[in-house]
Structures are given as C-alpha cells and as structure tokens.
Protein backbone atom coordinates (compact mmCIF):
# COMPACT_ATOMS: atom_id res chain seq x y z
CA MET A 1 -13.97 0.55 -1.31
CA ASN A 2 -16.60 1.57 -3.64
CA THR A 3 -16.22 3.11 -7.76
CA SER A 4 -18.36 5.27 -9.92
CA ALA A 5 -16.01 4.37 -12.66
CA GLU A 6 -17.19 3.85 -16.35
CA LYS A 7 -14.24 1.18 -17.07
CA GLY A 8 -14.15 -1.70 -15.42
CA ARG A 9 -11.28 -3.62 -13.43
CA SER A 10 -10.39 -5.53 -16.51
CA GLU A 11 -10.14 -2.52 -18.74
CA TYR A 12 -7.79 -0.84 -16.35
CA GLU A 13 -5.46 -4.13 -15.52
CA GLU A 14 -5.20 -3.91 -19.02
CA THR A 15 -3.76 -0.95 -19.39
CA GLY A 16 -1.72 -1.62 -16.09
CA GLU A 17 -2.99 2.05 -15.04
CA VAL A 18 -4.64 0.30 -11.81
CA VAL A 19 -3.23 -2.56 -10.38
CA TRP A 20 -5.22 -5.04 -7.65
CA ASP A 21 -3.02 -7.94 -7.40
CA ILE A 22 -1.14 -9.93 -9.86
CA ASN A 23 -1.45 -13.46 -11.77
CA THR A 24 1.59 -15.30 -10.79
CA LYS A 25 2.40 -19.03 -9.49
CA ASP A 26 5.92 -17.43 -7.95
CA LYS A 27 5.29 -17.29 -3.28
CA ILE A 28 5.25 -13.54 -3.72
CA ILE A 29 3.22 -11.16 -1.54
CA ALA A 30 2.89 -7.15 -0.93
CA LEU A 31 2.31 -5.80 2.61
CA THR A 32 0.64 -2.18 2.30
CA PHE A 33 0.63 0.07 5.21
CA ASP A 34 -1.91 3.01 5.04
CA ASP A 35 -2.38 6.41 6.84
CA GLY A 36 1.15 6.42 8.50
CA PRO A 37 3.42 7.72 9.28
CA HIS A 38 2.68 7.24 13.39
CA PRO A 39 5.80 7.28 15.45
CA LYS A 40 4.74 4.07 17.26
CA TYR A 41 3.14 1.69 15.32
CA THR A 42 4.73 2.71 11.87
CA SER A 43 8.02 2.08 13.90
CA GLN A 44 6.79 -1.44 15.38
CA VAL A 45 5.61 -2.30 12.08
CA LEU A 46 9.06 -1.59 10.76
CA ASP A 47 10.40 -3.54 13.49
CA ILE A 48 8.47 -6.54 12.59
CA LEU A 49 9.65 -6.32 8.69
CA ALA A 50 13.08 -6.30 9.82
CA LYS A 51 12.88 -9.16 12.14
CA TYR A 52 11.47 -11.38 9.23
CA GLU A 53 13.70 -9.66 6.49
CA ALA A 54 10.30 -8.43 4.91
CA LYS A 55 9.52 -5.66 2.58
CA GLY A 56 6.48 -2.97 2.42
CA THR A 57 4.98 -0.61 0.97
CA PHE A 58 3.80 2.30 2.96
CA PHE A 59 1.17 4.57 1.45
CA ILE A 60 2.17 8.06 3.78
CA ILE A 61 -0.12 10.89 3.87
CA GLY A 62 1.94 14.00 3.54
CA GLN A 63 1.23 16.43 6.41
CA ASN A 64 1.71 12.86 8.98
CA ALA A 65 5.17 12.77 6.89
CA GLU A 66 5.39 16.71 7.87
CA LYS A 67 5.17 15.72 11.50
CA TYR A 68 7.52 12.11 11.60
CA PRO A 69 10.04 12.92 8.97
CA ASP A 70 12.25 10.49 11.20
CA VAL A 71 9.88 7.98 10.29
CA VAL A 72 9.93 7.96 6.53
CA SER A 73 13.29 8.68 6.50
CA ARG A 74 13.93 5.37 8.61
CA THR A 75 11.06 3.59 5.87
CA TYR A 76 13.25 4.34 3.23
CA LYS A 77 16.45 3.53 4.70
CA GLU A 78 15.15 0.51 5.57
CA GLY A 79 14.31 -0.32 1.88
CA HIS A 80 11.00 -0.19 2.02
CA GLU A 81 8.78 1.36 -0.82
CA LEU A 82 6.93 4.77 -0.04
CA ALA A 83 3.89 5.30 -2.19
CA ASN A 84 1.46 8.58 -2.16
CA HIS A 85 -2.10 8.42 -0.14
CA THR A 86 -2.64 12.42 -0.26
CA TYR A 87 -1.58 15.24 2.11
CA THR A 88 -4.85 15.47 4.30
CA HIS A 89 -6.51 11.93 3.48
CA PRO A 90 -9.92 14.06 1.95
CA PHE A 91 -12.92 11.34 1.15
CA LYS A 92 -14.50 13.47 -1.45
CA VAL A 93 -11.83 15.69 -4.02
CA SER A 94 -11.89 17.44 -6.91
CA VAL A 95 -9.53 17.19 -9.86
CA SER A 96 -7.60 20.68 -9.16
CA LYS A 97 -7.40 19.48 -5.27
CA LEU A 98 -6.35 16.12 -5.81
CA GLN A 99 -3.37 17.83 -8.15
CA GLU A 100 -2.29 19.71 -5.40
CA GLU A 101 -2.58 17.11 -2.74
CA LEU A 102 -0.16 14.35 -4.53
CA GLN A 103 2.35 17.21 -5.29
CA ARG A 104 2.71 18.20 -1.91
CA THR A 105 2.63 15.06 -0.45
CA ASN A 106 5.26 13.98 -3.72
CA GLU A 107 7.43 17.09 -2.57
CA MET A 108 6.98 16.41 1.11
CA ILE A 109 8.72 12.65 0.80
CA ASN A 110 11.16 13.96 -1.64
CA ASN A 111 12.21 16.59 0.94
CA ILE A 112 12.45 14.10 3.38
CA THR A 113 14.45 11.40 1.40
CA GLY A 114 15.22 12.42 -1.83
CA PHE A 115 12.82 9.76 -3.50
CA SER A 116 9.41 10.90 -5.78
CA PRO A 117 6.92 8.40 -4.89
CA VAL A 118 5.54 6.45 -8.38
CA LEU A 119 2.26 4.73 -7.03
CA PHE A 120 -0.75 6.39 -5.53
CA ARG A 121 -3.54 5.02 -3.24
CA PRO A 122 -7.03 6.30 -3.52
CA VAL A 123 -8.50 7.33 -0.10
CA GLY A 124 -10.80 4.97 1.12
CA GLY A 125 -10.09 2.80 -2.47
CA ASN A 126 -12.94 4.92 -3.61
CA TYR A 127 -11.96 6.01 -7.40
CA ASN A 128 -13.15 7.18 -10.53
CA ASP A 129 -12.13 7.85 -13.80
CA LYS A 130 -10.99 11.35 -12.97
CA ILE A 131 -9.15 9.90 -10.05
CA ILE A 132 -7.65 7.53 -12.15
CA ASN A 133 -7.00 9.98 -15.32
CA THR A 134 -5.45 12.61 -12.61
CA ALA A 135 -3.66 10.38 -10.99
CA VAL A 136 -2.33 9.06 -13.97
CA LYS A 137 -1.50 12.12 -15.76
CA ASN A 138 0.78 13.23 -12.69
CA GLY A 139 2.79 10.41 -13.20
CA TYR A 140 1.51 8.04 -10.75
CA GLN A 141 0.42 4.14 -10.96
CA VAL A 142 -2.76 3.74 -8.82
CA VAL A 143 -2.53 0.40 -6.38
CA MET A 144 -5.61 -1.14 -4.90
CA TRP A 145 -5.50 -4.13 -3.03
CA SER A 146 -6.54 -7.92 -3.67
CA TRP A 147 -10.11 -7.94 -3.13
CA HIS A 148 -10.23 -10.98 -0.73
CA GLN A 149 -7.20 -9.14 1.59
CA ASP A 150 -8.94 -5.77 3.18
CA THR A 151 -7.72 -6.93 6.61
CA GLN A 152 -10.34 -3.63 7.46
CA ASP A 153 -7.98 -3.86 10.78
CA TRP A 154 -9.01 -0.08 11.14
CA LYS A 155 -12.29 -1.21 12.53
CA GLU A 156 -9.95 -3.16 14.85
CA PRO A 157 -12.08 -6.80 14.71
CA GLY A 158 -9.98 -8.53 16.46
CA VAL A 159 -6.29 -9.91 15.68
CA ASN A 160 -7.55 -13.49 15.57
CA LYS A 161 -10.03 -11.72 12.52
CA ILE A 162 -7.54 -9.75 11.05
CA VAL A 163 -4.85 -13.06 10.83
CA GLN A 164 -7.45 -15.66 9.96
CA LYS A 165 -8.80 -12.70 7.03
CA VAL A 166 -4.81 -13.32 5.74
CA LEU A 167 -3.71 -16.56 6.61
CA GLY A 168 -7.33 -17.88 5.06
CA GLY A 169 -6.90 -16.32 1.57
CA THR A 170 -3.09 -15.67 0.79
CA LYS A 171 -2.31 -17.12 -2.66
CA PRO A 172 0.74 -15.72 -4.93
CA GLY A 173 0.50 -12.27 -6.21
CA ASP A 174 -1.49 -10.89 -3.31
CA VAL A 175 -1.48 -7.31 -2.22
CA ILE A 176 -3.14 -7.34 1.30
CA LEU A 177 -4.06 -3.95 2.88
CA PHE A 178 -2.97 -3.13 6.68
CA HIS A 179 -3.16 0.66 8.07
CA ASP A 180 -0.52 1.22 10.33
CA GLY A 181 -1.58 4.92 11.09
CA GLY A 182 -5.56 6.89 11.67
CA GLY A 183 -5.99 5.32 15.13
CA ASN A 184 -4.98 2.41 17.46
CA ARG A 185 -3.04 0.05 15.36
CA THR A 186 -2.33 -2.16 18.29
CA GLN A 187 -4.41 -5.34 16.94
CA THR A 188 -2.90 -5.03 13.38
CA ILE A 189 0.67 -5.09 15.23
CA LYS A 190 -0.04 -8.38 16.98
CA ALA A 191 -1.70 -10.01 13.95
CA LEU A 192 1.88 -8.79 11.98
CA GLU A 193 3.37 -11.13 14.53
CA GLU A 194 1.46 -14.29 13.80
CA ILE A 195 1.07 -13.38 10.03
CA ILE A 196 4.47 -12.55 8.65
CA PRO A 197 6.04 -16.32 10.22
CA THR A 198 3.43 -18.46 9.21
CA LEU A 199 3.63 -17.20 5.62
CA LYS A 200 7.35 -17.50 5.58
CA LYS A 201 7.10 -21.17 6.68
CA GLN A 202 4.44 -21.42 3.77
CA GLY A 203 7.29 -20.24 1.53
CA TYR A 204 6.24 -16.80 0.56
CA THR A 205 8.33 -14.03 0.25
CA PHE A 206 7.48 -10.29 0.93
CA VAL A 207 8.50 -7.72 -1.95
CA THR A 208 7.31 -4.13 -2.34
CA VAL A 209 4.07 -3.51 -4.63
CA SER A 210 6.69 -2.28 -7.65
CA GLU A 211 8.54 -5.37 -7.37
CA LEU A 212 5.37 -7.16 -7.52
CA ILE A 213 4.52 -4.89 -10.75
CA GLU A 214 8.04 -5.38 -12.19
CA ARG A 215 7.67 -9.08 -11.46
CA LYS A 216 4.00 -9.07 -13.69
CA GLN A 217 5.76 -7.51 -16.79
CA ASN A 218 8.76 -9.87 -16.99
CA GLN A 219 6.78 -12.62 -16.78
CA GLU A 220 4.46 -11.01 -19.92
CA LYS A 221 7.39 -10.61 -21.72
CA VAL A 222 8.37 -14.30 -21.42
CA GLN A 223 5.15 -15.01 -22.79
C-alpha cells in the first residue's frame, strides 16, 4: 500500500470519503476479501463464513465475476457485501480508465445480482487524490483496511503467520484484509478456520463494511 495523495488519512476520514477502520468499543470487525471471485477458494470462504454465522465484504474483480457469476450470486444471496475492485485489476490507471473499470464492474455485479456496489478498494491499496476523487464522484466510498491487519496472505507466508498477524492485533472496529482470488489461497482458508472461531469465542461479531460504517455514523449522532 502506498499513496501519493496530498491529503492525509485524517482529512479523508473526516470527510468520510475513505475508511480504514472505525473507533468503537463494540466488538465488531469486518473481514474483507480481494481479487475474487474464484470458483474454489471463494466457495470455501463462504462455507466457513456460513459455518460461523459471519459476514464478509468481497471486493470483486469484474472480469472474474463475468467468469463465475454463480459464485457472485451465492455470495450475495448469503448476505455478504459485494464491493468494486475494478474490472481488470490494473496497478496504474488514468481517471478515464478508472471510471470505465468501475462502471463495467458495477454493471457486471448488478446484472448478476440486481445490487450496485457502493464501496471501492483501489488495486494494491495504492491511491492518490485523483483516484479518491474519481471514486467519490462516481458514488463510491473508498475502503482501505486497518494498517495492522494486512495479512499479506497473497505472499503465502504460511498459515501460522496469517493467524498470528490477525489474532495478535485484533481490536474492535478493525477491517482485516484477506484475498480469495489471484493465486493459491489454501493458506488463507486454513487460517480462517482458526481465526474466525477464536475471535468468536473472544466475543467478536463479524459484520460487513457498510454495517461497520453505519455503526460509526450512529455513534457520532449519539455524541
């Protein structure tokens, strides 16, 4: 993750345009999954989430959704949140190209489910003011992740490392980054089998990113 944005995190958080995590005492966290859908790994993630009555947010690549519409449909029907992660996963993108990527992915997800995503995560977590502004102008809220909760599971560091990364630092309001596509995700699946029940025993509830944002907004109204 890197940024060349002129505005800092606090400025973006104040405007609500970008979310990293939320400050709350409620034991809620958001599990997020990038680069799917994948016919094998996304389905396995969904099985685990169902087993533990947990919700997830899936940042979907449009061209993968086109290949595996049934997986997208299942994800949505089981109550998880679908979000936009571009169409072709480009690491460098112009404003016009990003608009096109967002629109194509949105249309693909909407054609499959009837739902239009409102959340967008930049590829690789790389953003600048142009990327944020383009997303916001197109009706999206930008979602990053908690800085201490990047599992780096895409590097396949080993199941234990993924588990320790998450369990060693989890706190209320966290947004945790996993991947359900883009490579072999066997380690991620095995790690989730340990992480979710452990956190559940600690009293955590797993919510979608939109539910997390809504909780933050409600808390601010009360204050």
